[in-house]
Amino acid sequence: MLSNWRKTAEKVDPYSQLAYIYDHVMRHVNYRYWANHLAKLFKSSDFPVNNVLDISCGTGSLLLNLARLNLNVAGLDESENMVKIARGKIRKKGLKLPVWCGSMVDYKVSTKFDAVVSTYDSINYCLNIELCTAVVENTATALRAGGLFIFDICTERNSRKYFQNHTDREETEDFSYIRQSSYTRGIQVNEFFISLNSNSNTTYHEIHKQKIYKINEIMSIIPLDVYEIVGVYEGFSLRPGSEKSDRVYFVLRKNR
């Protein structure tokens, strides 16, 4: 089946078709828990956080859970279709949360935020360290003095553990997909083959690449004249993060 799909599938941009089944594929993620963890990081930083911008908001699941915590939230994402799904979910909840299409590398905002977040290893989609640097530096322009930039990265341990030569497949009444994952020399690749209609002969092929960085590589691009490093944490804890962690959170505070 995979070999046939690989031969006939139409290559499309990342998230252009995955957007429509993303919430199903990611249904194992407890976004409420993620939002609560971010709230814990806000609180531990001893800085009052009310206004939050998610610069990789996807379909808006984290945004909605942050809003549930009585935070004023906004979001952006590079994928137009992910933003479209997010807006639909927000409208369905009867909320008015600003969400727009933009890149975390060069986005601009007209108002300053208390915190900017980027979760679920979205930073790893920056395929070179210069792009990571641009995100870190650009985000400083969106923060109030004393504001927080919180982001996470996927480690090599995570990639080897969960994404090295791994295949997922699922078929429902409405769609089917195969995800083939690999990890080689610092690059994690997830190939999706997606058929959105059981009666359609069209299969879409998306290739998602992530660059896996060492913690010290990320540390090296943080401008210490702009940010204070509040902490580098392991997963959903306040323990120090390391290369033995599956996920590492960075908490930066913009200098006052």
Protein backbone atom coordinates (compact mmCIF):
# COMPACT_ATOMS: atom_id res chain seq x y z
CA MET A 1 0.00 0.00 0.00
CA LEU A 2 2.73 2.48 0.96
CA SER A 3 4.75 1.78 -2.17
CA ASN A 4 1.67 2.42 -4.32
CA TRP A 5 0.86 5.65 -2.50
CA ARG A 6 4.45 6.83 -2.80
CA LYS A 7 4.29 6.39 -6.58
CA THR A 8 0.95 8.09 -7.14
CA ALA A 9 0.58 10.63 -4.31
CA GLU A 10 0.40 14.35 -5.02
CA LYS A 11 3.14 16.23 -3.16
CA VAL A 12 1.80 19.18 -1.18
CA ASP A 13 3.08 21.62 1.45
CA PRO A 14 3.31 20.53 5.10
CA TYR A 15 -0.02 20.87 6.94
CA SER A 16 -1.96 21.77 3.79
CA GLN A 17 -3.93 18.51 4.03
CA LEU A 18 -2.83 17.20 7.43
CA ALA A 19 -4.64 20.23 8.91
CA TYR A 20 -8.00 18.58 8.22
CA ILE A 21 -7.18 15.46 10.27
CA TYR A 22 -4.62 16.97 12.64
CA ASP A 23 -6.84 17.01 15.71
CA HIS A 24 -7.62 13.33 15.18
CA VAL A 25 -3.97 12.38 14.66
CA MET A 26 -3.01 14.35 17.80
CA ARG A 27 -5.94 13.25 19.94
CA HIS A 28 -3.52 11.66 22.42
CA VAL A 29 -2.17 15.10 23.41
CA ASN A 30 -3.60 16.52 26.63
CA TYR A 31 -3.65 20.22 25.73
CA ARG A 32 -5.27 21.13 29.03
CA TYR A 33 -2.26 19.65 30.80
CA TRP A 34 0.09 21.58 28.50
CA ALA A 35 -1.77 24.82 29.22
CA ASN A 36 -1.62 24.16 32.96
CA HIS A 37 2.11 23.52 32.68
CA LEU A 38 2.63 26.83 30.91
CA ALA A 39 0.61 28.54 33.63
CA LYS A 40 2.91 26.92 36.18
CA LEU A 41 5.94 28.29 34.33
CA PHE A 42 4.35 31.74 34.21
CA LYS A 43 3.77 31.62 37.95
CA SER A 44 7.26 30.33 38.79
CA SER A 45 8.86 33.20 36.86
CA ASP A 46 7.31 35.73 39.25
CA PHE A 47 6.07 37.93 36.40
CA PRO A 48 2.36 38.77 35.99
CA VAL A 49 1.14 37.18 32.76
CA ASN A 50 -2.24 38.13 31.32
CA ASN A 51 -1.68 38.52 27.58
CA VAL A 52 -0.20 35.55 25.71
CA LEU A 53 0.76 35.05 22.07
CA ASP A 54 1.20 31.54 20.64
CA ILE A 55 3.46 31.81 17.58
CA SER A 56 2.86 28.22 16.45
CA CYS A 57 -0.80 27.87 17.36
CA GLY A 58 -1.75 25.16 14.86
CA THR A 59 -5.45 24.33 15.09
CA GLY A 60 -5.84 26.37 18.26
CA SER A 61 -6.21 23.59 20.84
CA LEU A 62 -3.62 25.08 23.19
CA LEU A 63 -5.03 28.58 22.66
CA LEU A 64 -8.48 27.46 23.76
CA ASN A 65 -7.09 25.81 26.87
CA LEU A 66 -5.07 28.91 27.76
CA ALA A 67 -8.22 30.99 27.30
CA ARG A 68 -9.95 28.64 29.75
CA LEU A 69 -7.42 29.88 32.34
CA ASN A 70 -8.76 33.42 31.87
CA LEU A 71 -5.76 34.55 29.86
CA ASN A 72 -6.06 36.95 26.94
CA VAL A 73 -4.65 34.96 24.05
CA ALA A 74 -3.81 35.40 20.39
CA GLY A 75 -2.14 33.11 17.91
CA LEU A 76 -0.41 32.81 14.59
CA ASP A 77 0.68 29.91 12.43
CA GLU A 78 2.44 29.57 9.11
CA SER A 79 -0.18 27.20 7.69
CA GLU A 80 -3.29 28.88 6.29
CA ASN A 81 -5.33 25.70 6.65
CA MET A 82 -4.31 25.20 10.28
CA VAL A 83 -5.35 28.80 10.98
CA LYS A 84 -8.66 28.19 9.20
CA ILE A 85 -9.36 25.18 11.43
CA ALA A 86 -8.36 27.18 14.53
CA ARG A 87 -10.73 30.02 13.65
CA GLY A 88 -13.58 27.56 13.18
CA LYS A 89 -12.99 25.98 16.58
CA ILE A 90 -12.80 29.39 18.23
CA ARG A 91 -16.08 30.52 16.62
CA LYS A 92 -17.74 27.27 17.70
CA LYS A 93 -16.80 28.09 21.30
CA GLY A 94 -18.36 31.54 20.92
CA LEU A 95 -15.02 33.26 21.53
CA LYS A 96 -13.26 36.08 19.74
CA LEU A 97 -9.54 35.30 19.77
CA PRO A 98 -7.30 36.92 17.15
CA VAL A 99 -5.57 34.29 15.02
CA TRP A 100 -3.70 34.99 11.82
CA CYS A 101 -1.30 33.45 9.33
CA GLY A 102 2.33 34.38 9.81
CA SER A 103 5.83 33.08 10.36
CA MET A 104 7.43 32.99 13.79
CA VAL A 105 10.67 34.06 12.09
CA ASP A 106 9.47 37.53 11.11
CA TYR A 107 5.99 38.16 12.55
CA LYS A 108 5.07 41.66 13.70
CA VAL A 109 2.57 42.75 16.34
CA SER A 110 1.10 46.13 17.17
CA THR A 111 0.84 45.49 20.92
CA LYS A 112 3.28 43.96 23.38
CA PHE A 113 2.59 40.69 25.17
CA ASP A 114 3.39 39.46 28.66
CA ALA A 115 4.39 36.08 27.26
CA VAL A 116 5.06 34.45 23.90
CA VAL A 117 4.97 30.66 23.63
CA SER A 118 5.92 28.07 21.02
CA THR A 119 5.27 24.46 21.96
CA TYR A 120 5.33 20.92 20.65
CA ASP A 121 8.82 21.30 19.15
CA SER A 122 7.72 23.89 16.60
CA ILE A 123 11.17 25.49 16.89
CA ASN A 124 12.59 22.26 15.45
CA TYR A 125 10.92 23.17 12.16
CA CYS A 126 13.60 25.85 11.84
CA LEU A 127 16.05 23.82 9.77
CA ASN A 128 19.13 25.90 10.52
CA ILE A 129 20.40 27.72 13.58
CA GLU A 130 20.10 31.10 11.83
CA LEU A 131 16.32 30.68 11.65
CA CYS A 132 16.22 29.75 15.35
CA THR A 133 18.21 32.89 16.08
CA ALA A 134 15.74 34.97 14.07
CA VAL A 135 12.81 33.59 16.08
CA VAL A 136 14.49 34.35 19.40
CA GLU A 137 15.51 37.86 18.37
CA ASN A 138 12.23 38.70 16.64
CA THR A 139 10.17 37.56 19.62
CA ALA A 140 11.90 40.11 21.84
CA THR A 141 10.15 42.83 19.82
CA ALA A 142 6.75 41.34 20.76
CA LEU A 143 7.39 41.26 24.51
CA ARG A 144 6.95 43.80 27.25
CA ALA A 145 10.01 44.51 29.36
CA GLY A 146 10.15 41.59 31.78
CA GLY A 147 7.99 39.44 29.49
CA LEU A 148 8.57 35.73 28.94
CA PHE A 149 9.45 33.68 25.87
CA ILE A 150 8.77 30.00 26.51
CA PHE A 151 9.51 27.35 23.91
CA ASP A 152 10.43 23.69 23.79
CA ILE A 153 12.58 21.46 21.62
CA CYS A 154 12.53 17.78 20.80
CA THR A 155 15.83 16.08 21.72
CA GLU A 156 17.82 13.46 19.87
CA ARG A 157 16.77 10.95 22.51
CA ASN A 158 13.13 11.66 21.68
CA SER A 159 13.77 11.24 17.95
CA ARG A 160 15.62 7.96 18.34
CA LYS A 161 13.02 6.64 20.77
CA TYR A 162 9.83 7.53 18.91
CA PHE A 163 10.66 8.41 15.31
CA GLN A 164 13.45 6.12 14.10
CA ASN A 165 12.05 3.77 11.45
CA HIS A 166 8.50 3.96 12.77
CA THR A 167 5.25 3.63 10.83
CA ASP A 168 1.70 4.54 11.88
CA ARG A 169 -1.39 3.88 9.81
CA GLU A 170 -5.09 4.40 10.34
CA GLU A 171 -8.24 4.12 8.27
CA THR A 172 -11.63 5.58 9.17
CA GLU A 173 -14.88 6.03 7.26
CA ASP A 174 -13.78 9.54 6.26
CA PHE A 175 -10.03 9.33 5.68
CA SER A 176 -6.94 7.20 5.87
CA TYR A 177 -3.29 7.99 6.38
CA ILE A 178 0.13 6.48 6.77
CA ARG A 179 2.92 8.24 8.65
CA GLN A 180 6.44 6.99 8.08
CA SER A 181 9.07 8.42 10.43
CA SER A 182 12.85 8.34 10.30
CA TYR A 183 15.80 9.97 12.02
CA THR A 184 19.26 10.38 10.52
CA ARG A 185 22.12 12.74 11.34
CA GLY A 186 20.16 15.34 13.25
CA ILE A 187 17.16 15.41 10.91
CA GLN A 188 13.81 13.93 11.89
CA VAL A 189 11.49 13.26 8.95
CA ASN A 190 7.78 12.46 9.08
CA GLU A 191 6.19 11.58 5.76
CA PHE A 192 2.39 11.61 5.66
CA PHE A 193 0.37 9.93 2.93
CA ILE A 194 -3.21 11.15 3.34
CA SER A 195 -6.45 10.24 1.59
CA LEU A 196 -9.25 12.52 2.81
CA ASN A 197 -12.15 10.79 1.09
CA SER A 198 -12.70 7.06 0.91
CA ASN A 199 -14.30 7.54 -2.51
CA SER A 200 -11.40 9.59 -3.87
CA ASN A 201 -8.39 8.28 -5.72
CA THR A 202 -6.29 11.27 -4.64
CA THR A 203 -3.59 10.73 -2.05
CA TYR A 204 -1.53 13.61 -0.69
CA HIS A 205 2.11 13.36 0.32
CA GLU A 206 3.49 15.77 2.93
CA ILE A 207 7.10 15.74 4.10
CA HIS A 208 7.73 17.25 7.53
CA LYS A 209 11.35 17.85 8.51
CA GLN A 210 12.73 18.88 11.87
CA LYS A 211 16.28 19.77 12.80
CA ILE A 212 17.25 18.29 16.17
CA TYR A 213 19.46 20.67 18.14
CA LYS A 214 21.63 20.15 21.17
CA ILE A 215 20.71 22.19 24.23
CA ASN A 216 24.00 24.08 24.09
CA GLU A 217 23.31 25.05 20.46
CA ILE A 218 20.10 26.76 21.53
CA MET A 219 21.79 28.32 24.56
CA SER A 220 24.45 29.80 22.29
CA ILE A 221 21.96 31.87 20.27
CA ILE A 222 20.21 33.51 23.23
CA PRO A 223 21.38 37.16 23.36
CA LEU A 224 22.10 37.76 27.04
CA ASP A 225 21.89 41.51 26.57
CA VAL A 226 18.25 40.97 25.57
CA TYR A 227 17.14 37.99 27.67
CA GLU A 228 17.74 36.47 31.07
CA ILE A 229 17.62 32.67 31.07
CA VAL A 230 15.10 31.83 33.79
CA GLY A 231 15.41 28.09 33.35
CA VAL A 232 15.96 25.11 31.06
CA TYR A 233 13.61 22.37 32.20
CA GLU A 234 12.96 18.70 31.53
CA GLY A 235 9.54 18.04 30.06
CA PHE A 236 6.65 18.99 32.30
CA SER A 237 8.79 19.54 35.37
CA LEU A 238 11.08 22.10 36.92
CA ARG A 239 14.02 19.69 36.89
CA PRO A 240 17.03 20.78 34.83
CA GLY A 241 16.76 19.66 31.21
CA SER A 242 19.49 17.55 29.63
CA GLU A 243 20.21 15.53 26.50
CA LYS A 244 18.66 12.59 28.38
CA SER A 245 15.32 14.42 28.42
CA ASP A 246 12.74 13.72 25.72
CA ARG A 247 11.63 17.35 25.64
CA VAL A 248 13.29 20.48 27.00
CA TYR A 249 11.60 23.78 27.83
CA PHE A 250 13.44 27.09 27.69
CA VAL A 251 12.09 29.97 29.74
CA LEU A 252 13.55 33.37 28.84
CA ARG A 253 12.75 36.75 30.36
CA LYS A 254 13.19 39.91 28.33
CA ASN A 255 15.46 42.29 30.20
CA ARG A 256 13.66 45.23 31.70
